[in-house]
Amino acid sequence: MNEPIEARDEESGATVSPGYLEVIGIVLVIVLVALFAYDRFLVPKVKVADLKGYLQEQKTLLAAGTITEEQWKRNLDTLELVFQEQPRHHLIILKDVVLHHDPNTELKLK
């Protein structure tokens, strides 16, 4: 049950076990895969949404007659779908409460 993980070399009769470099290499591979999976699937990603600006733009277009009320409702439904399609580990924060953000993290609402 608690047998060592060593193999016998049949020619010389000496035991062969993984060396320190192999063990370090295996551990590094396992750690890198675990870190990648953690970052990709578990860490919350923060996204910034300019909801106030988007709604103001839609109201302006509606008031100017550029879009109809039906198009305005369709755009709001599309906005809701954009929010619902975000993965579970993405956190959406309104642009009004963020002091400084990276433009790459901004959620495109158009």
PDB file of N, CA and C in Angstrom:
ATOM      1  N   MET A   1       0.815  -1.181   0.000  1.00  0.00           N
ATOM      2  CA  MET A   1       0.000   0.000   0.000  1.00  0.00           C
ATOM      3  C   MET A   1       0.869   1.259   0.000  1.00  0.00           C
ATOM      4  N   ASN A   2       1.846   1.348   0.854  1.00  0.00           N
ATOM      5  CA  ASN A   2       2.725   2.515   0.914  1.00  0.00           C
ATOM      6  C   ASN A   2       4.062   2.212   0.256  1.00  0.00           C
ATOM      7  N   GLU A   3       4.012   1.673  -0.939  1.00  0.00           N
ATOM      8  CA  GLU A   3       5.235   1.337  -1.644  1.00  0.00           C
ATOM      9  C   GLU A   3       5.824   2.595  -2.275  1.00  0.00           C
ATOM     10  N   PRO A   4       7.133   2.729  -2.278  1.00  0.00           N
ATOM     11  CA  PRO A   4       7.762   3.905  -2.893  1.00  0.00           C
ATOM     12  C   PRO A   4       7.547   3.890  -4.409  1.00  0.00           C
ATOM     13  N   ILE A   5       7.542   5.089  -4.978  1.00  0.00           N
ATOM     14  CA  ILE A   5       7.345   5.230  -6.422  1.00  0.00           C
ATOM     15  C   ILE A   5       8.721   5.200  -7.083  1.00  0.00           C
ATOM     16  N   GLU A   6       9.308   4.053  -7.094  1.00  0.00           N
ATOM     17  CA  GLU A   6      10.614   3.877  -7.711  1.00  0.00           C
ATOM     18  C   GLU A   6      10.545   2.682  -8.637  1.00  0.00           C
ATOM     19  N   ALA A   7      11.258   2.771  -9.707  1.00  0.00           N
ATOM     20  CA  ALA A   7      11.312   1.658 -10.648  1.00  0.00           C
ATOM     21  C   ALA A   7      12.724   1.089 -10.653  1.00  0.00           C
ATOM     22  N   ARG A   8      12.827  -0.198 -10.809  1.00  0.00           N
ATOM     23  CA  ARG A   8      14.139  -0.829 -10.847  1.00  0.00           C
ATOM     24  C   ARG A   8      14.618  -0.908 -12.296  1.00  0.00           C
ATOM     25  N   ASP A   9      15.829  -0.474 -12.496  1.00  0.00           N
ATOM     26  CA  ASP A   9      16.459  -0.631 -13.804  1.00  0.00           C
ATOM     27  C   ASP A   9      16.871  -2.092 -13.923  1.00  0.00           C
ATOM     28  N   GLU A  10      16.360  -2.786 -14.918  1.00  0.00           N
ATOM     29  CA  GLU A  10      16.561  -4.235 -15.000  1.00  0.00           C
ATOM     30  C   GLU A  10      18.006  -4.602 -15.336  1.00  0.00           C
ATOM     31  N   GLU A  11      18.741  -3.765 -16.032  1.00  0.00           N
ATOM     32  CA  GLU A  11      20.114  -4.093 -16.403  1.00  0.00           C
ATOM     33  C   GLU A  11      21.061  -3.985 -15.219  1.00  0.00           C
ATOM     34  N   SER A  12      20.974  -2.844 -14.496  1.00  0.00           N
ATOM     35  CA  SER A  12      21.932  -2.642 -13.416  1.00  0.00           C
ATOM     36  C   SER A  12      21.356  -2.996 -12.049  1.00  0.00           C
ATOM     37  N   GLY A  13      20.049  -3.102 -11.944  1.00  0.00           N
ATOM     38  CA  GLY A  13      19.433  -3.425 -10.663  1.00  0.00           C
ATOM     39  C   GLY A  13      19.292  -2.214  -9.756  1.00  0.00           C
ATOM     40  N   ALA A  14      19.673  -1.029 -10.218  1.00  0.00           N
ATOM     41  CA  ALA A  14      19.576   0.184  -9.408  1.00  0.00           C
ATOM     42  C   ALA A  14      18.164   0.748  -9.505  1.00  0.00           C
ATOM     43  N   THR A  15      17.781   1.467  -8.480  1.00  0.00           N
ATOM     44  CA  THR A  15      16.453   2.072  -8.503  1.00  0.00           C
ATOM     45  C   THR A  15      16.511   3.399  -9.242  1.00  0.00           C
ATOM     46  N   VAL A  16      15.446   3.675 -10.001  1.00  0.00           N
ATOM     47  CA  VAL A  16      15.365   4.910 -10.773  1.00  0.00           C
ATOM     48  C   VAL A  16      14.146   5.681 -10.272  1.00  0.00           C
ATOM     49  N   SER A  17      14.362   6.892  -9.833  1.00  0.00           N
ATOM     50  CA  SER A  17      13.260   7.749  -9.378  1.00  0.00           C
ATOM     51  C   SER A  17      13.432   9.113 -10.031  1.00  0.00           C
ATOM     52  N   PRO A  18      12.350   9.901 -10.085  1.00  0.00           N
ATOM     53  CA  PRO A  18      12.487  11.219 -10.708  1.00  0.00           C
ATOM     54  C   PRO A  18      13.466  12.096  -9.929  1.00  0.00           C
ATOM     55  N   GLY A  19      14.278  12.831 -10.680  1.00  0.00           N
ATOM     56  CA  GLY A  19      15.251  13.710 -10.049  1.00  0.00           C
ATOM     57  C   GLY A  19      14.615  15.020  -9.610  1.00  0.00           C
ATOM     58  N   TYR A  20      15.411  15.838  -8.978  1.00  0.00           N
ATOM     59  CA  TYR A  20      14.906  17.112  -8.472  1.00  0.00           C
ATOM     60  C   TYR A  20      14.421  18.028  -9.594  1.00  0.00           C
ATOM     61  N   LEU A  21      15.122  18.044 -10.704  1.00  0.00           N
ATOM     62  CA  LEU A  21      14.718  18.915 -11.809  1.00  0.00           C
ATOM     63  C   LEU A  21      13.382  18.479 -12.396  1.00  0.00           C
ATOM     64  N   GLU A  22      13.162  17.170 -12.511  1.00  0.00           N
ATOM     65  CA  GLU A  22      11.874  16.702 -13.020  1.00  0.00           C
ATOM     66  C   GLU A  22      10.738  17.071 -12.076  1.00  0.00           C
ATOM     67  N   VAL A  23      10.979  16.910 -10.778  1.00  0.00           N
ATOM     68  CA  VAL A  23       9.956  17.253  -9.785  1.00  0.00           C
ATOM     69  C   VAL A  23       9.654  18.748  -9.832  1.00  0.00           C
ATOM     70  N   ILE A  24      10.689  19.569  -9.906  1.00  0.00           N
ATOM     71  CA  ILE A  24      10.494  21.025  -9.986  1.00  0.00           C
ATOM     72  C   ILE A  24       9.745  21.390 -11.263  1.00  0.00           C
ATOM     73  N   GLY A  25      10.087  20.743 -12.379  1.00  0.00           N
ATOM     74  CA  GLY A  25       9.387  21.006 -13.638  1.00  0.00           C
ATOM     75  C   GLY A  25       7.914  20.634 -13.570  1.00  0.00           C
ATOM     76  N   ILE A  26       7.618  19.484 -12.985  1.00  0.00           N
ATOM     77  CA  ILE A  26       6.224  19.050 -12.858  1.00  0.00           C
ATOM     78  C   ILE A  26       5.440  20.005 -11.964  1.00  0.00           C
ATOM     79  N   VAL A  27       6.038  20.413 -10.849  1.00  0.00           N
ATOM     80  CA  VAL A  27       5.374  21.339  -9.928  1.00  0.00           C
ATOM     81  C   VAL A  27       5.131  22.682 -10.608  1.00  0.00           C
ATOM     82  N   LEU A  28       6.089  23.180 -11.368  1.00  0.00           N
ATOM     83  CA  LEU A  28       5.918  24.453 -12.070  1.00  0.00           C
ATOM     84  C   LEU A  28       4.779  24.379 -13.088  1.00  0.00           C
ATOM     85  N   VAL A  29       4.707  23.282 -13.813  1.00  0.00           N
ATOM     86  CA  VAL A  29       3.620  23.121 -14.791  1.00  0.00           C
ATOM     87  C   VAL A  29       2.268  23.106 -14.082  1.00  0.00           C
ATOM     88  N   ILE A  30       2.161  22.368 -12.982  1.00  0.00           N
ATOM     89  CA  ILE A  30       0.899  22.296 -12.241  1.00  0.00           C
ATOM     90  C   ILE A  30       0.504  23.660 -11.694  1.00  0.00           C
ATOM     91  N   VAL A  31       1.464  24.386 -11.142  1.00  0.00           N
ATOM     92  CA  VAL A  31       1.175  25.713 -10.581  1.00  0.00           C
ATOM     93  C   VAL A  31       0.763  26.689 -11.672  1.00  0.00           C
ATOM     94  N   LEU A  32       1.435  26.676 -12.809  1.00  0.00           N
ATOM     95  CA  LEU A  32       1.085  27.590 -13.904  1.00  0.00           C
ATOM     96  C   LEU A  32      -0.302  27.291 -14.462  1.00  0.00           C
ATOM     97  N   VAL A  33      -0.644  26.026 -14.603  1.00  0.00           N
ATOM     98  CA  VAL A  33      -1.984  25.660 -15.078  1.00  0.00           C
ATOM     99  C   VAL A  33      -3.039  26.097 -14.060  1.00  0.00           C
ATOM    100  N   ALA A  34      -2.761  25.903 -12.771  1.00  0.00           N
ATOM    101  CA  ALA A  34      -3.715  26.310 -11.731  1.00  0.00           C
ATOM    102  C   ALA A  34      -3.896  27.830 -11.714  1.00  0.00           C
ATOM    103  N   LEU A  35      -2.814  28.588 -11.849  1.00  0.00           N
ATOM    104  CA  LEU A  35      -2.918  30.050 -11.881  1.00  0.00           C
ATOM    105  C   LEU A  35      -3.683  30.535 -13.104  1.00  0.00           C
ATOM    106  N   PHE A  36      -3.429  29.940 -14.251  1.00  0.00           N
ATOM    107  CA  PHE A  36      -4.143  30.315 -15.466  1.00  0.00           C
ATOM    108  C   PHE A  36      -5.636  30.046 -15.314  1.00  0.00           C
ATOM    109  N   ALA A  37      -5.991  28.863 -14.815  1.00  0.00           N
ATOM    110  CA  ALA A  37      -7.399  28.513 -14.653  1.00  0.00           C
ATOM    111  C   ALA A  37      -8.070  29.432 -13.633  1.00  0.00           C
ATOM    112  N   TYR A  38      -7.378  29.759 -12.549  1.00  0.00           N
ATOM    113  CA  TYR A  38      -7.932  30.651 -11.531  1.00  0.00           C
ATOM    114  C   TYR A  38      -8.196  32.037 -12.124  1.00  0.00           C
ATOM    115  N   ASP A  39      -7.220  32.566 -12.860  1.00  0.00           N
ATOM    116  CA  ASP A  39      -7.373  33.893 -13.442  1.00  0.00           C
ATOM    117  C   ASP A  39      -8.450  33.907 -14.515  1.00  0.00           C
ATOM    118  N   ARG A  40      -8.549  32.862 -15.275  1.00  0.00           N
ATOM    119  CA  ARG A  40      -9.499  32.818 -16.399  1.00  0.00           C
ATOM    120  C   ARG A  40     -10.941  32.609 -15.945  1.00  0.00           C
ATOM    121  N   PHE A  41     -11.161  31.790 -14.918  1.00  0.00           N
ATOM    122  CA  PHE A  41     -12.514  31.379 -14.592  1.00  0.00           C
ATOM    123  C   PHE A  41     -13.034  31.853 -13.236  1.00  0.00           C
ATOM    124  N   LEU A  42     -12.173  32.228 -12.287  1.00  0.00           N
ATOM    125  CA  LEU A  42     -12.649  32.523 -10.942  1.00  0.00           C
ATOM    126  C   LEU A  42     -12.491  33.976 -10.501  1.00  0.00           C
ATOM    127  N   VAL A  43     -11.449  34.642 -10.935  1.00  0.00           N
ATOM    128  CA  VAL A  43     -11.199  36.010 -10.478  1.00  0.00           C
ATOM    129  C   VAL A  43     -12.248  36.949 -11.062  1.00  0.00           C
ATOM    130  N   PRO A  44     -12.876  37.777 -10.233  1.00  0.00           N
ATOM    131  CA  PRO A  44     -13.860  38.737 -10.762  1.00  0.00           C
ATOM    132  C   PRO A  44     -13.181  39.761 -11.675  1.00  0.00           C
ATOM    133  N   LYS A  45     -13.747  39.955 -12.840  1.00  0.00           N
ATOM    134  CA  LYS A  45     -13.268  40.964 -13.785  1.00  0.00           C
ATOM    135  C   LYS A  45     -14.209  42.161 -13.694  1.00  0.00           C
ATOM    136  N   VAL A  46     -13.642  43.334 -13.514  1.00  0.00           N
ATOM    137  CA  VAL A  46     -14.444  44.546 -13.356  1.00  0.00           C
ATOM    138  C   VAL A  46     -14.634  45.204 -14.713  1.00  0.00           C
ATOM    139  N   LYS A  47     -15.886  45.460 -15.066  1.00  0.00           N
ATOM    140  CA  LYS A  47     -16.237  46.161 -16.303  1.00  0.00           C
ATOM    141  C   LYS A  47     -16.939  47.460 -15.925  1.00  0.00           C
ATOM    142  N   VAL A  48     -16.729  48.504 -16.715  1.00  0.00           N
ATOM    143  CA  VAL A  48     -17.329  49.810 -16.466  1.00  0.00           C
ATOM    144  C   VAL A  48     -18.358  50.077 -17.552  1.00  0.00           C
ATOM    145  N   ALA A  49     -19.557  50.494 -17.150  1.00  0.00           N
ATOM    146  CA  ALA A  49     -20.627  50.795 -18.102  1.00  0.00           C
ATOM    147  C   ALA A  49     -21.084  52.236 -17.914  1.00  0.00           C
ATOM    148  N   ASP A  50     -21.155  52.984 -19.006  1.00  0.00           N
ATOM    149  CA  ASP A  50     -21.640  54.368 -18.975  1.00  0.00           C
ATOM    150  C   ASP A  50     -23.138  54.349 -19.265  1.00  0.00           C
ATOM    151  N   LEU A  51     -23.903  53.873 -18.303  1.00  0.00           N
ATOM    152  CA  LEU A  51     -25.344  53.731 -18.478  1.00  0.00           C
ATOM    153  C   LEU A  51     -26.028  55.096 -18.579  1.00  0.00           C
ATOM    154  N   LYS A  52     -25.596  56.032 -17.763  1.00  0.00           N
ATOM    155  CA  LYS A  52     -26.202  57.370 -17.773  1.00  0.00           C
ATOM    156  C   LYS A  52     -25.996  58.052 -19.127  1.00  0.00           C
ATOM    157  N   GLY A  53     -24.788  57.959 -19.659  1.00  0.00           N
ATOM    158  CA  GLY A  53     -24.493  58.559 -20.961  1.00  0.00           C
ATOM    159  C   GLY A  53     -25.259  57.881 -22.087  1.00  0.00           C
ATOM    160  N   TYR A  54     -25.377  56.562 -22.009  1.00  0.00           N
ATOM    161  CA  TYR A  54     -26.115  55.821 -23.037  1.00  0.00           C
ATOM    162  C   TYR A  54     -27.595  56.200 -23.024  1.00  0.00           C
ATOM    163  N   LEU A  55     -28.199  56.258 -21.835  1.00  0.00           N
ATOM    164  CA  LEU A  55     -29.610  56.620 -21.746  1.00  0.00           C
ATOM    165  C   LEU A  55     -29.852  58.064 -22.179  1.00  0.00           C
ATOM    166  N   GLN A  56     -28.917  58.959 -21.838  1.00  0.00           N
ATOM    167  CA  GLN A  56     -29.041  60.356 -22.253  1.00  0.00           C
ATOM    168  C   GLN A  56     -28.967  60.462 -23.773  1.00  0.00           C
ATOM    169  N   GLU A  57     -28.075  59.705 -24.374  1.00  0.00           N
ATOM    170  CA  GLU A  57     -27.948  59.709 -25.839  1.00  0.00           C
ATOM    171  C   GLU A  57     -29.225  59.177 -26.493  1.00  0.00           C
ATOM    172  N   GLN A  58     -29.786  58.108 -25.931  1.00  0.00           N
ATOM    173  CA  GLN A  58     -31.016  57.545 -26.483  1.00  0.00           C
ATOM    174  C   GLN A  58     -32.179  58.534 -26.353  1.00  0.00           C
ATOM    175  N   LYS A  59     -32.280  59.239 -25.225  1.00  0.00           N
ATOM    176  CA  LYS A  59     -33.337  60.231 -25.038  1.00  0.00           C
ATOM    177  C   LYS A  59     -33.179  61.383 -26.022  1.00  0.00           C
ATOM    178  N   THR A  60     -31.950  61.805 -26.257  1.00  0.00           N
ATOM    179  CA  THR A  60     -31.694  62.889 -27.209  1.00  0.00           C
ATOM    180  C   THR A  60     -32.098  62.465 -28.619  1.00  0.00           C
ATOM    181  N   LEU A  61     -31.731  61.244 -29.002  1.00  0.00           N
ATOM    182  CA  LEU A  61     -32.110  60.747 -30.332  1.00  0.00           C
ATOM    183  C   LEU A  61     -33.625  60.632 -30.467  1.00  0.00           C
ATOM    184  N   LEU A  62     -34.290  60.214 -29.396  1.00  0.00           N
ATOM    185  CA  LEU A  62     -35.753  60.085 -29.421  1.00  0.00           C
ATOM    186  C   LEU A  62     -36.410  61.455 -29.526  1.00  0.00           C
ATOM    187  N   ALA A  63     -35.895  62.432 -28.773  1.00  0.00           N
ATOM    188  CA  ALA A  63     -36.460  63.781 -28.804  1.00  0.00           C
ATOM    189  C   ALA A  63     -36.232  64.450 -30.158  1.00  0.00           C
ATOM    190  N   ALA A  64     -35.106  64.154 -30.790  1.00  0.00           N
ATOM    191  CA  ALA A  64     -34.794  64.751 -32.088  1.00  0.00           C
ATOM    192  C   ALA A  64     -35.553  64.067 -33.224  1.00  0.00           C
ATOM    193  N   GLY A  65     -36.147  62.931 -32.935  1.00  0.00           N
ATOM    194  CA  GLY A  65     -36.892  62.218 -33.965  1.00  0.00           C
ATOM    195  C   GLY A  65     -36.026  61.320 -34.826  1.00  0.00           C
ATOM    196  N   THR A  66     -34.781  61.135 -34.437  1.00  0.00           N
ATOM    197  CA  THR A  66     -33.882  60.267 -35.197  1.00  0.00           C
ATOM    198  C   THR A  66     -34.296  58.805 -35.074  1.00  0.00           C
ATOM    199  N   ILE A  67     -34.774  58.428 -33.888  1.00  0.00           N
ATOM    200  CA  ILE A  67     -35.264  57.063 -33.698  1.00  0.00           C
ATOM    201  C   ILE A  67     -36.718  57.121 -33.233  1.00  0.00           C
ATOM    202  N   THR A  68     -37.440  56.069 -33.502  1.00  0.00           N
ATOM    203  CA  THR A  68     -38.836  56.004 -33.059  1.00  0.00           C
ATOM    204  C   THR A  68     -38.885  55.397 -31.655  1.00  0.00           C
ATOM    205  N   GLU A  69     -40.073  55.440 -31.071  1.00  0.00           N
ATOM    206  CA  GLU A  69     -40.225  54.874 -29.730  1.00  0.00           C
ATOM    207  C   GLU A  69     -40.003  53.357 -29.758  1.00  0.00           C
ATOM    208  N   GLU A  70     -40.379  52.730 -30.859  1.00  0.00           N
ATOM    209  CA  GLU A  70     -40.156  51.288 -30.998  1.00  0.00           C
ATOM    210  C   GLU A  70     -38.662  50.969 -31.047  1.00  0.00           C
ATOM    211  N   GLN A  71     -37.897  51.778 -31.789  1.00  0.00           N
ATOM    212  CA  GLN A  71     -36.449  51.585 -31.831  1.00  0.00           C
ATOM    213  C   GLN A  71     -35.832  51.844 -30.462  1.00  0.00           C
ATOM    214  N   TRP A  72     -36.366  52.815 -29.732  1.00  0.00           N
ATOM    215  CA  TRP A  72     -35.865  53.118 -28.390  1.00  0.00           C
ATOM    216  C   TRP A  72     -36.085  51.924 -27.464  1.00  0.00           C
ATOM    217  N   LYS A  73     -37.266  51.316 -27.532  1.00  0.00           N
ATOM    218  CA  LYS A  73     -37.547  50.135 -26.714  1.00  0.00           C
ATOM    219  C   LYS A  73     -36.656  48.964 -27.120  1.00  0.00           C
ATOM    220  N   ARG A  74     -36.423  48.813 -28.424  1.00  0.00           N
ATOM    221  CA  ARG A  74     -35.553  47.742 -28.904  1.00  0.00           C
ATOM    222  C   ARG A  74     -34.116  47.954 -28.416  1.00  0.00           C
ATOM    223  N   ASN A  75     -33.659  49.213 -28.411  1.00  0.00           N
ATOM    224  CA  ASN A  75     -32.317  49.518 -27.909  1.00  0.00           C
ATOM    225  C   ASN A  75     -32.198  49.216 -26.415  1.00  0.00           C
ATOM    226  N   LEU A  76     -33.250  49.483 -25.656  1.00  0.00           N
ATOM    227  CA  LEU A  76     -33.227  49.155 -24.231  1.00  0.00           C
ATOM    228  C   LEU A  76     -33.204  47.640 -24.002  1.00  0.00           C
ATOM    229  N   ASP A  77     -33.936  46.899 -24.840  1.00  0.00           N
ATOM    230  CA  ASP A  77     -33.892  45.440 -24.755  1.00  0.00           C
ATOM    231  C   ASP A  77     -32.499  44.913 -25.095  1.00  0.00           C
ATOM    232  N   THR A  78     -31.868  45.531 -26.088  1.00  0.00           N
ATOM    233  CA  THR A  78     -30.509  45.156 -26.457  1.00  0.00           C
ATOM    234  C   THR A  78     -29.546  45.445 -25.314  1.00  0.00           C
ATOM    235  N   LEU A  79     -29.735  46.576 -24.643  1.00  0.00           N
ATOM    236  CA  LEU A  79     -28.910  46.930 -23.489  1.00  0.00           C
ATOM    237  C   LEU A  79     -29.047  45.882 -22.387  1.00  0.00           C
ATOM    238  N   GLU A  80     -30.270  45.446 -22.139  1.00  0.00           N
ATOM    239  CA  GLU A  80     -30.505  44.422 -21.125  1.00  0.00           C
ATOM    240  C   GLU A  80     -29.812  43.111 -21.510  1.00  0.00           C
ATOM    241  N   LEU A  81     -29.852  42.766 -22.787  1.00  0.00           N
ATOM    242  CA  LEU A  81     -29.175  41.551 -23.246  1.00  0.00           C
ATOM    243  C   LEU A  81     -27.666  41.640 -23.076  1.00  0.00           C
ATOM    244  N   VAL A  82     -27.101  42.836 -23.323  1.00  0.00           N
ATOM    245  CA  VAL A  82     -25.659  43.017 -23.146  1.00  0.00           C
ATOM    246  C   VAL A  82     -25.275  42.749 -21.699  1.00  0.00           C
ATOM    247  N   PHE A  83     -26.081  43.234 -20.769  1.00  0.00           N
ATOM    248  CA  PHE A  83     -25.794  43.004 -19.349  1.00  0.00           C
ATOM    249  C   PHE A  83     -25.972  41.534 -18.988  1.00  0.00           C
ATOM    250  N   GLN A  84     -26.982  40.887 -19.520  1.00  0.00           N
ATOM    251  CA  GLN A  84     -27.241  39.491 -19.181  1.00  0.00           C
ATOM    252  C   GLN A  84     -26.235  38.539 -19.807  1.00  0.00           C
ATOM    253  N   GLU A  85     -25.631  38.912 -20.923  1.00  0.00           N
ATOM    254  CA  GLU A  85     -24.675  38.043 -21.602  1.00  0.00           C
ATOM    255  C   GLU A  85     -23.298  38.038 -20.957  1.00  0.00           C
ATOM    256  N   GLN A  86     -23.076  38.921 -20.007  1.00  0.00           N
ATOM    257  CA  GLN A  86     -21.782  38.960 -19.338  1.00  0.00           C
ATOM    258  C   GLN A  86     -21.603  37.698 -18.494  1.00  0.00           C
ATOM    259  N   PRO A  87     -20.397  37.133 -18.484  1.00  0.00           N
ATOM    260  CA  PRO A  87     -20.148  35.947 -17.658  1.00  0.00           C
ATOM    261  C   PRO A  87     -20.371  36.241 -16.169  1.00  0.00           C
ATOM    262  N   ARG A  88     -20.576  35.181 -15.405  1.00  0.00           N
ATOM    263  CA  ARG A  88     -20.882  35.334 -13.977  1.00  0.00           C
ATOM    264  C   ARG A  88     -19.773  36.034 -13.205  1.00  0.00           C
ATOM    265  N   HIS A  89     -18.532  35.833 -13.598  1.00  0.00           N
ATOM    266  CA  HIS A  89     -17.430  36.417 -12.837  1.00  0.00           C
ATOM    267  C   HIS A  89     -17.082  37.840 -13.294  1.00  0.00           C
ATOM    268  N   HIS A  90     -17.886  38.438 -14.156  1.00  0.00           N
ATOM    269  CA  HIS A  90     -17.686  39.835 -14.537  1.00  0.00           C
ATOM    270  C   HIS A  90     -18.569  40.719 -13.664  1.00  0.00           C
ATOM    271  N   LEU A  91     -17.971  41.735 -13.091  1.00  0.00           N
ATOM    272  CA  LEU A  91     -18.661  42.674 -12.220  1.00  0.00           C
ATOM    273  C   LEU A  91     -18.833  43.979 -12.988  1.00  0.00           C
ATOM    274  N   ILE A  92     -20.061  44.453 -13.127  1.00  0.00           N
ATOM    275  CA  ILE A  92     -20.333  45.676 -13.887  1.00  0.00           C
ATOM    276  C   ILE A  92     -20.576  46.810 -12.910  1.00  0.00           C
ATOM    277  N   ILE A  93     -19.782  47.878 -13.052  1.00  0.00           N
ATOM    278  CA  ILE A  93     -19.895  49.061 -12.201  1.00  0.00           C
ATOM    279  C   ILE A  93     -20.226  50.247 -13.104  1.00  0.00           C
ATOM    280  N   LEU A  94     -21.093  51.122 -12.621  1.00  0.00           N
ATOM    281  CA  LEU A  94     -21.441  52.308 -13.404  1.00  0.00           C
ATOM    282  C   LEU A  94     -20.264  53.277 -13.462  1.00  0.00           C
ATOM    283  N   LYS A  95     -20.133  53.951 -14.585  1.00  0.00           N
ATOM    284  CA  LYS A  95     -19.030  54.881 -14.792  1.00  0.00           C
ATOM    285  C   LYS A  95     -19.097  56.057 -13.817  1.00  0.00           C
ATOM    286  N   ASP A  96     -20.297  56.377 -13.323  1.00  0.00           N
ATOM    287  CA  ASP A  96     -20.458  57.498 -12.406  1.00  0.00           C
ATOM    288  C   ASP A  96     -19.729  57.284 -11.079  1.00  0.00           C
ATOM    289  N   VAL A  97     -19.550  56.047 -10.666  1.00  0.00           N
ATOM    290  CA  VAL A  97     -18.937  55.780  -9.362  1.00  0.00           C
ATOM    291  C   VAL A  97     -17.462  55.403  -9.469  1.00  0.00           C
ATOM    292  N   VAL A  98     -16.925  55.342 -10.670  1.00  0.00           N
ATOM    293  CA  VAL A  98     -15.528  54.967 -10.869  1.00  0.00           C
ATOM    294  C   VAL A  98     -14.697  56.231 -11.020  1.00  0.00           C
ATOM    295  N   LEU A  99     -13.624  56.336 -10.233  1.00  0.00           N
ATOM    296  CA  LEU A  99     -12.767  57.517 -10.312  1.00  0.00           C
ATOM    297  C   LEU A  99     -11.868  57.473 -11.543  1.00  0.00           C
ATOM    298  N   HIS A 100     -11.264  56.335 -11.794  1.00  0.00           N
ATOM    299  CA  HIS A 100     -10.359  56.197 -12.935  1.00  0.00           C
ATOM    300  C   HIS A 100     -10.475  54.769 -13.448  1.00  0.00           C
ATOM    301  N   HIS A 101     -10.531  54.606 -14.759  1.00  0.00           N
ATOM    302  CA  HIS A 101     -10.629  53.262 -15.311  1.00  0.00           C
ATOM    303  C   HIS A 101      -9.839  53.149 -16.600  1.00  0.00           C
ATOM    304  N   ASP A 102      -9.497  51.939 -16.926  1.00  0.00           N
ATOM    305  CA  ASP A 102      -8.815  51.625 -18.164  1.00  0.00           C
ATOM    306  C   ASP A 102      -9.867  51.553 -19.278  1.00  0.00           C
ATOM    307  N   PRO A 103      -9.673  52.235 -20.391  1.00  0.00           N
ATOM    308  CA  PRO A 103     -10.667  52.188 -21.474  1.00  0.00           C
ATOM    309  C   PRO A 103     -10.927  50.768 -21.988  1.00  0.00           C
ATOM    310  N   ASN A 104      -9.986  49.857 -21.797  1.00  0.00           N
ATOM    311  CA  ASN A 104     -10.184  48.476 -22.244  1.00  0.00           C
ATOM    312  C   ASN A 104     -11.221  47.742 -21.408  1.00  0.00           C
ATOM    313  N   THR A 105     -11.483  48.220 -20.189  1.00  0.00           N
ATOM    314  CA  THR A 105     -12.450  47.554 -19.325  1.00  0.00           C
ATOM    315  C   THR A 105     -13.848  48.120 -19.496  1.00  0.00           C
ATOM    316  N   GLU A 106     -14.002  49.125 -20.358  1.00  0.00           N
ATOM    317  CA  GLU A 106     -15.321  49.717 -20.539  1.00  0.00           C
ATOM    318  C   GLU A 106     -16.202  48.809 -21.389  1.00  0.00           C
ATOM    319  N   LEU A 107     -17.408  48.629 -20.939  1.00  0.00           N
ATOM    320  CA  LEU A 107     -18.392  47.792 -21.621  1.00  0.00           C
ATOM    321  C   LEU A 107     -19.016  48.611 -22.739  1.00  0.00           C
ATOM    322  N   LYS A 108     -18.952  48.109 -23.970  1.00  0.00           N
ATOM    323  CA  LYS A 108     -19.503  48.821 -25.121  1.00  0.00           C
ATOM    324  C   LYS A 108     -21.011  48.613 -25.144  1.00  0.00           C
ATOM    325  N   LEU A 109     -21.781  49.682 -25.009  1.00  0.00           N
ATOM    326  CA  LEU A 109     -23.228  49.592 -24.939  1.00  0.00           C
ATOM    327  C   LEU A 109     -23.891  49.845 -26.289  1.00  0.00           C
ATOM    328  N   LYS A 110     -23.165  50.227 -27.289  1.00  0.00           N
ATOM    329  CA  LYS A 110     -23.761  50.565 -28.590  1.00  0.00           C
ATOM    330  C   LYS A 110     -23.804  49.370 -29.487  1.00  0.00           C
TER     331      LYS A 110
END
